[in-house]
Amino acid sequence: MQSITITPAVIKAINHFLKPTVMNEDQKFSMGMPNDNMAPYNSWTVRGLTNDEIVKWILEVRSNAPEFVYQGLIALVEKELAESRLETIRNMMYKKLIAA
């Protein structure tokens, strides 16, 4: 897998494509904030979501966003989560992709 550096431009693109798709009660505060102001919250958002929410988020981005945004999200998830949790998420994604 190609390595992606998480730059401010990648974070801005991730925010642009993901802000409307991940929306639970705890995240509604972000609706009024400009995308540039959301970058500091990305790592906390990833850490705070359940495994199922992360899988849905990744699959939604994979389907609707440019490849570099998808790869940026993958890099962010890999950076922020423990390897054991990351492996669980990979397995969940694999099962959902096979079932589709």
N, C-alpha and C. Protein backbone atom coordinates (compact mmCIF):
# COMPACT_ATOMS: atom_id res chain seq x y z
N MET A 1 0.84 -1.17 0.00
CA MET A 1 0.00 0.00 0.00
C MET A 1 0.89 1.24 0.00
N GLN A 2 0.53 2.21 -0.79
CA GLN A 2 1.28 3.45 -0.90
C GLN A 2 1.10 4.28 0.35
N SER A 3 2.19 4.89 0.81
CA SER A 3 2.14 5.73 2.00
C SER A 3 1.66 7.13 1.62
N ILE A 4 0.78 7.69 2.43
CA ILE A 4 0.25 9.04 2.19
C ILE A 4 0.62 9.90 3.38
N THR A 5 1.17 11.07 3.13
CA THR A 5 1.45 12.02 4.19
C THR A 5 0.20 12.84 4.44
N ILE A 6 -0.15 12.97 5.70
CA ILE A 6 -1.34 13.74 6.05
C ILE A 6 -0.94 15.21 6.12
N THR A 7 -1.19 15.92 5.05
CA THR A 7 -0.89 17.34 4.97
C THR A 7 -2.15 18.15 5.26
N PRO A 8 -2.01 19.44 5.50
CA PRO A 8 -3.21 20.26 5.69
C PRO A 8 -4.17 20.19 4.51
N ALA A 9 -3.65 20.06 3.29
CA ALA A 9 -4.53 19.97 2.11
C ALA A 9 -5.34 18.68 2.13
N VAL A 10 -4.71 17.58 2.55
CA VAL A 10 -5.43 16.30 2.64
C VAL A 10 -6.50 16.38 3.72
N ILE A 11 -6.15 16.97 4.85
CA ILE A 11 -7.12 17.12 5.94
C ILE A 11 -8.29 17.99 5.49
N LYS A 12 -8.00 19.07 4.77
CA LYS A 12 -9.07 19.94 4.28
C LYS A 12 -9.99 19.16 3.33
N ALA A 13 -9.40 18.36 2.46
CA ALA A 13 -10.21 17.57 1.52
C ALA A 13 -11.03 16.52 2.26
N ILE A 14 -10.43 15.88 3.26
CA ILE A 14 -11.17 14.91 4.05
C ILE A 14 -12.36 15.58 4.71
N ASN A 15 -12.12 16.73 5.32
CA ASN A 15 -13.22 17.46 5.97
C ASN A 15 -14.31 17.82 4.98
N HIS A 16 -13.91 18.26 3.80
CA HIS A 16 -14.90 18.67 2.80
C HIS A 16 -15.83 17.52 2.42
N PHE A 17 -15.26 16.34 2.24
CA PHE A 17 -16.07 15.20 1.79
C PHE A 17 -16.75 14.45 2.93
N LEU A 18 -16.22 14.54 4.14
CA LEU A 18 -16.74 13.71 5.21
C LEU A 18 -17.67 14.43 6.16
N LYS A 19 -17.56 15.71 6.25
CA LYS A 19 -18.34 16.45 7.23
C LYS A 19 -19.83 16.12 7.16
N PRO A 20 -20.45 16.07 5.99
CA PRO A 20 -21.88 15.76 5.96
C PRO A 20 -22.21 14.29 6.17
N THR A 21 -21.25 13.37 6.01
CA THR A 21 -21.58 11.95 6.03
C THR A 21 -21.56 11.33 7.41
N VAL A 22 -20.74 11.84 8.30
CA VAL A 22 -20.65 11.28 9.65
C VAL A 22 -21.35 12.26 10.57
N MET A 23 -22.52 11.88 11.03
CA MET A 23 -23.31 12.83 11.76
C MET A 23 -24.08 12.16 12.88
N ASN A 24 -23.47 12.09 14.04
CA ASN A 24 -24.24 11.62 15.18
C ASN A 24 -24.41 12.80 16.13
N GLU A 25 -25.06 12.60 17.24
CA GLU A 25 -25.38 13.70 18.15
C GLU A 25 -24.13 14.44 18.63
N ASP A 26 -23.05 13.71 18.87
CA ASP A 26 -21.84 14.33 19.37
C ASP A 26 -21.11 15.16 18.32
N GLN A 27 -21.43 14.96 17.06
CA GLN A 27 -20.70 15.64 16.00
C GLN A 27 -21.47 16.80 15.38
N LYS A 28 -22.69 17.05 15.82
CA LYS A 28 -23.47 18.12 15.23
C LYS A 28 -22.84 19.50 15.44
N PHE A 29 -21.98 19.63 16.46
CA PHE A 29 -21.33 20.90 16.70
C PHE A 29 -20.51 21.35 15.50
N SER A 30 -20.07 20.41 14.68
CA SER A 30 -19.17 20.74 13.58
C SER A 30 -19.86 21.36 12.38
N MET A 31 -21.18 21.29 12.33
CA MET A 31 -21.88 21.76 11.14
C MET A 31 -21.62 23.22 10.81
N GLY A 32 -21.49 24.06 11.81
CA GLY A 32 -21.31 25.48 11.55
C GLY A 32 -19.87 25.91 11.43
N MET A 33 -18.94 25.01 11.64
CA MET A 33 -17.53 25.37 11.61
C MET A 33 -16.97 25.25 10.20
N PRO A 34 -16.14 26.21 9.80
CA PRO A 34 -15.48 26.08 8.49
C PRO A 34 -14.59 24.84 8.46
N ASN A 35 -14.43 24.24 7.28
CA ASN A 35 -13.63 23.03 7.15
C ASN A 35 -12.22 23.20 7.68
N ASP A 36 -11.62 24.36 7.48
CA ASP A 36 -10.25 24.58 7.93
C ASP A 36 -10.13 24.47 9.45
N ASN A 37 -11.20 24.76 10.16
CA ASN A 37 -11.16 24.71 11.62
C ASN A 37 -11.36 23.30 12.16
N MET A 38 -11.70 22.35 11.32
CA MET A 38 -12.00 21.00 11.78
C MET A 38 -10.78 20.09 11.89
N ALA A 39 -9.67 20.45 11.27
CA ALA A 39 -8.48 19.59 11.25
C ALA A 39 -8.05 19.11 12.63
N PRO A 40 -8.04 19.96 13.66
CA PRO A 40 -7.61 19.47 14.97
C PRO A 40 -8.53 18.40 15.56
N TYR A 41 -9.75 18.31 15.07
CA TYR A 41 -10.71 17.35 15.62
C TYR A 41 -10.70 16.00 14.92
N ASN A 42 -10.02 15.89 13.80
CA ASN A 42 -10.03 14.63 13.03
C ASN A 42 -9.54 13.44 13.85
N SER A 43 -8.42 13.61 14.54
CA SER A 43 -7.89 12.48 15.31
C SER A 43 -8.83 12.10 16.44
N TRP A 44 -9.43 13.08 17.08
CA TRP A 44 -10.37 12.79 18.17
C TRP A 44 -11.65 12.16 17.63
N THR A 45 -12.07 12.57 16.46
CA THR A 45 -13.25 11.98 15.85
C THR A 45 -13.00 10.50 15.58
N VAL A 46 -11.86 10.18 15.01
CA VAL A 46 -11.53 8.78 14.71
C VAL A 46 -11.47 7.97 16.00
N ARG A 47 -10.84 8.53 17.02
CA ARG A 47 -10.72 7.80 18.29
C ARG A 47 -12.07 7.60 18.97
N GLY A 48 -12.99 8.54 18.78
CA GLY A 48 -14.27 8.49 19.47
C GLY A 48 -15.35 7.67 18.80
N LEU A 49 -15.16 7.34 17.53
CA LEU A 49 -16.17 6.56 16.82
C LEU A 49 -16.07 5.09 17.18
N THR A 50 -17.20 4.39 17.07
CA THR A 50 -17.17 2.94 17.23
C THR A 50 -16.55 2.32 15.99
N ASN A 51 -16.19 1.07 16.08
CA ASN A 51 -15.62 0.37 14.92
C ASN A 51 -16.60 0.38 13.75
N ASP A 52 -17.87 0.13 14.04
CA ASP A 52 -18.88 0.11 12.98
C ASP A 52 -19.02 1.49 12.31
N GLU A 53 -18.97 2.55 13.10
CA GLU A 53 -19.05 3.90 12.54
C GLU A 53 -17.85 4.20 11.65
N ILE A 54 -16.68 3.76 12.07
CA ILE A 54 -15.47 3.98 11.27
C ILE A 54 -15.58 3.23 9.95
N VAL A 55 -16.04 2.00 10.00
CA VAL A 55 -16.19 1.20 8.76
C VAL A 55 -17.17 1.90 7.82
N LYS A 56 -18.30 2.34 8.33
CA LYS A 56 -19.29 3.04 7.49
C LYS A 56 -18.68 4.31 6.90
N TRP A 57 -17.93 5.04 7.70
CA TRP A 57 -17.30 6.28 7.26
C TRP A 57 -16.32 5.99 6.12
N ILE A 58 -15.46 5.01 6.32
CA ILE A 58 -14.46 4.66 5.31
C ILE A 58 -15.14 4.20 4.01
N LEU A 59 -16.14 3.36 4.13
CA LEU A 59 -16.82 2.85 2.93
C LEU A 59 -17.57 3.96 2.20
N GLU A 60 -18.14 4.90 2.94
CA GLU A 60 -18.82 6.04 2.33
C GLU A 60 -17.81 6.90 1.55
N VAL A 61 -16.68 7.15 2.15
CA VAL A 61 -15.64 7.93 1.48
C VAL A 61 -15.11 7.19 0.27
N ARG A 62 -14.91 5.90 0.41
CA ARG A 62 -14.42 5.09 -0.71
C ARG A 62 -15.35 5.19 -1.92
N SER A 63 -16.65 5.26 -1.64
CA SER A 63 -17.64 5.32 -2.72
C SER A 63 -17.85 6.70 -3.31
N ASN A 64 -17.61 7.75 -2.52
CA ASN A 64 -18.03 9.08 -2.93
C ASN A 64 -16.95 10.14 -3.05
N ALA A 65 -15.77 9.86 -2.59
CA ALA A 65 -14.72 10.88 -2.59
C ALA A 65 -13.57 10.49 -3.52
N PRO A 66 -12.75 11.45 -3.90
CA PRO A 66 -11.57 11.13 -4.72
C PRO A 66 -10.63 10.18 -3.96
N GLU A 67 -9.84 9.46 -4.70
CA GLU A 67 -8.93 8.46 -4.13
C GLU A 67 -8.00 9.07 -3.07
N PHE A 68 -7.49 10.27 -3.30
CA PHE A 68 -6.55 10.85 -2.34
C PHE A 68 -7.23 11.15 -1.00
N VAL A 69 -8.52 11.45 -1.02
CA VAL A 69 -9.25 11.68 0.23
C VAL A 69 -9.42 10.35 0.97
N TYR A 70 -9.78 9.32 0.22
CA TYR A 70 -9.91 7.98 0.81
C TYR A 70 -8.58 7.53 1.42
N GLN A 71 -7.50 7.69 0.68
CA GLN A 71 -6.18 7.28 1.18
C GLN A 71 -5.78 8.12 2.40
N GLY A 72 -6.14 9.40 2.39
CA GLY A 72 -5.86 10.25 3.54
C GLY A 72 -6.60 9.79 4.78
N LEU A 73 -7.85 9.39 4.62
CA LEU A 73 -8.63 8.88 5.75
C LEU A 73 -8.02 7.58 6.26
N ILE A 74 -7.64 6.70 5.35
CA ILE A 74 -7.00 5.44 5.76
C ILE A 74 -5.73 5.74 6.56
N ALA A 75 -4.92 6.67 6.07
CA ALA A 75 -3.68 7.03 6.77
C ALA A 75 -3.98 7.59 8.16
N LEU A 76 -5.01 8.41 8.26
CA LEU A 76 -5.40 8.97 9.56
C LEU A 76 -5.85 7.88 10.52
N VAL A 77 -6.67 6.96 10.04
CA VAL A 77 -7.15 5.86 10.88
C VAL A 77 -5.97 4.98 11.33
N GLU A 78 -5.05 4.69 10.41
CA GLU A 78 -3.89 3.87 10.75
C GLU A 78 -3.00 4.56 11.78
N LYS A 79 -2.91 5.88 11.69
CA LYS A 79 -2.08 6.65 12.62
C LYS A 79 -2.70 6.71 14.02
N GLU A 80 -4.01 6.84 14.10
CA GLU A 80 -4.68 7.11 15.36
C GLU A 80 -5.10 5.88 16.16
N LEU A 81 -5.27 4.75 15.51
CA LEU A 81 -5.82 3.58 16.21
C LEU A 81 -4.75 2.53 16.50
N ALA A 82 -4.97 1.81 17.59
CA ALA A 82 -4.09 0.71 17.94
C ALA A 82 -4.20 -0.39 16.89
N GLU A 83 -3.12 -1.14 16.72
CA GLU A 83 -3.07 -2.17 15.69
C GLU A 83 -4.17 -3.21 15.87
N SER A 84 -4.49 -3.58 17.09
CA SER A 84 -5.53 -4.59 17.31
C SER A 84 -6.90 -4.07 16.86
N ARG A 85 -7.18 -2.81 17.15
CA ARG A 85 -8.45 -2.23 16.72
C ARG A 85 -8.47 -2.06 15.20
N LEU A 86 -7.35 -1.67 14.65
CA LEU A 86 -7.24 -1.50 13.20
C LEU A 86 -7.49 -2.83 12.49
N GLU A 87 -6.98 -3.90 13.03
CA GLU A 87 -7.19 -5.22 12.44
C GLU A 87 -8.67 -5.61 12.49
N THR A 88 -9.33 -5.30 13.58
CA THR A 88 -10.77 -5.56 13.70
C THR A 88 -11.53 -4.79 12.63
N ILE A 89 -11.18 -3.53 12.43
CA ILE A 89 -11.84 -2.69 11.43
C ILE A 89 -11.58 -3.23 10.03
N ARG A 90 -10.36 -3.65 9.75
CA ARG A 90 -10.05 -4.23 8.44
C ARG A 90 -10.90 -5.47 8.17
N ASN A 91 -11.04 -6.32 9.18
CA ASN A 91 -11.85 -7.53 9.03
C ASN A 91 -13.32 -7.18 8.79
N MET A 92 -13.83 -6.20 9.51
CA MET A 92 -15.22 -5.77 9.33
C MET A 92 -15.43 -5.22 7.92
N MET A 93 -14.47 -4.42 7.43
CA MET A 93 -14.57 -3.87 6.08
C MET A 93 -14.55 -4.99 5.04
N TYR A 94 -13.67 -5.94 5.23
CA TYR A 94 -13.57 -7.06 4.30
C TYR A 94 -14.90 -7.80 4.20
N LYS A 95 -15.51 -8.07 5.35
CA LYS A 95 -16.79 -8.78 5.36
C LYS A 95 -17.88 -7.98 4.66
N LYS A 96 -17.91 -6.65 4.88
CA LYS A 96 -18.92 -5.82 4.25
C LYS A 96 -18.70 -5.74 2.74
N LEU A 97 -17.44 -5.68 2.31
CA LEU A 97 -17.15 -5.61 0.88
C LEU A 97 -17.47 -6.92 0.18
N ILE A 98 -17.21 -8.03 0.85
CA ILE A 98 -17.51 -9.34 0.27
C ILE A 98 -19.03 -9.53 0.16
N ALA A 99 -19.76 -9.05 1.16
CA ALA A 99 -21.22 -9.19 1.17
C ALA A 99 -21.91 -8.31 0.13
N ALA A 100 -21.24 -7.25 -0.29
CA ALA A 100 -21.86 -6.30 -1.22
C ALA A 100 -21.90 -6.81 -2.64
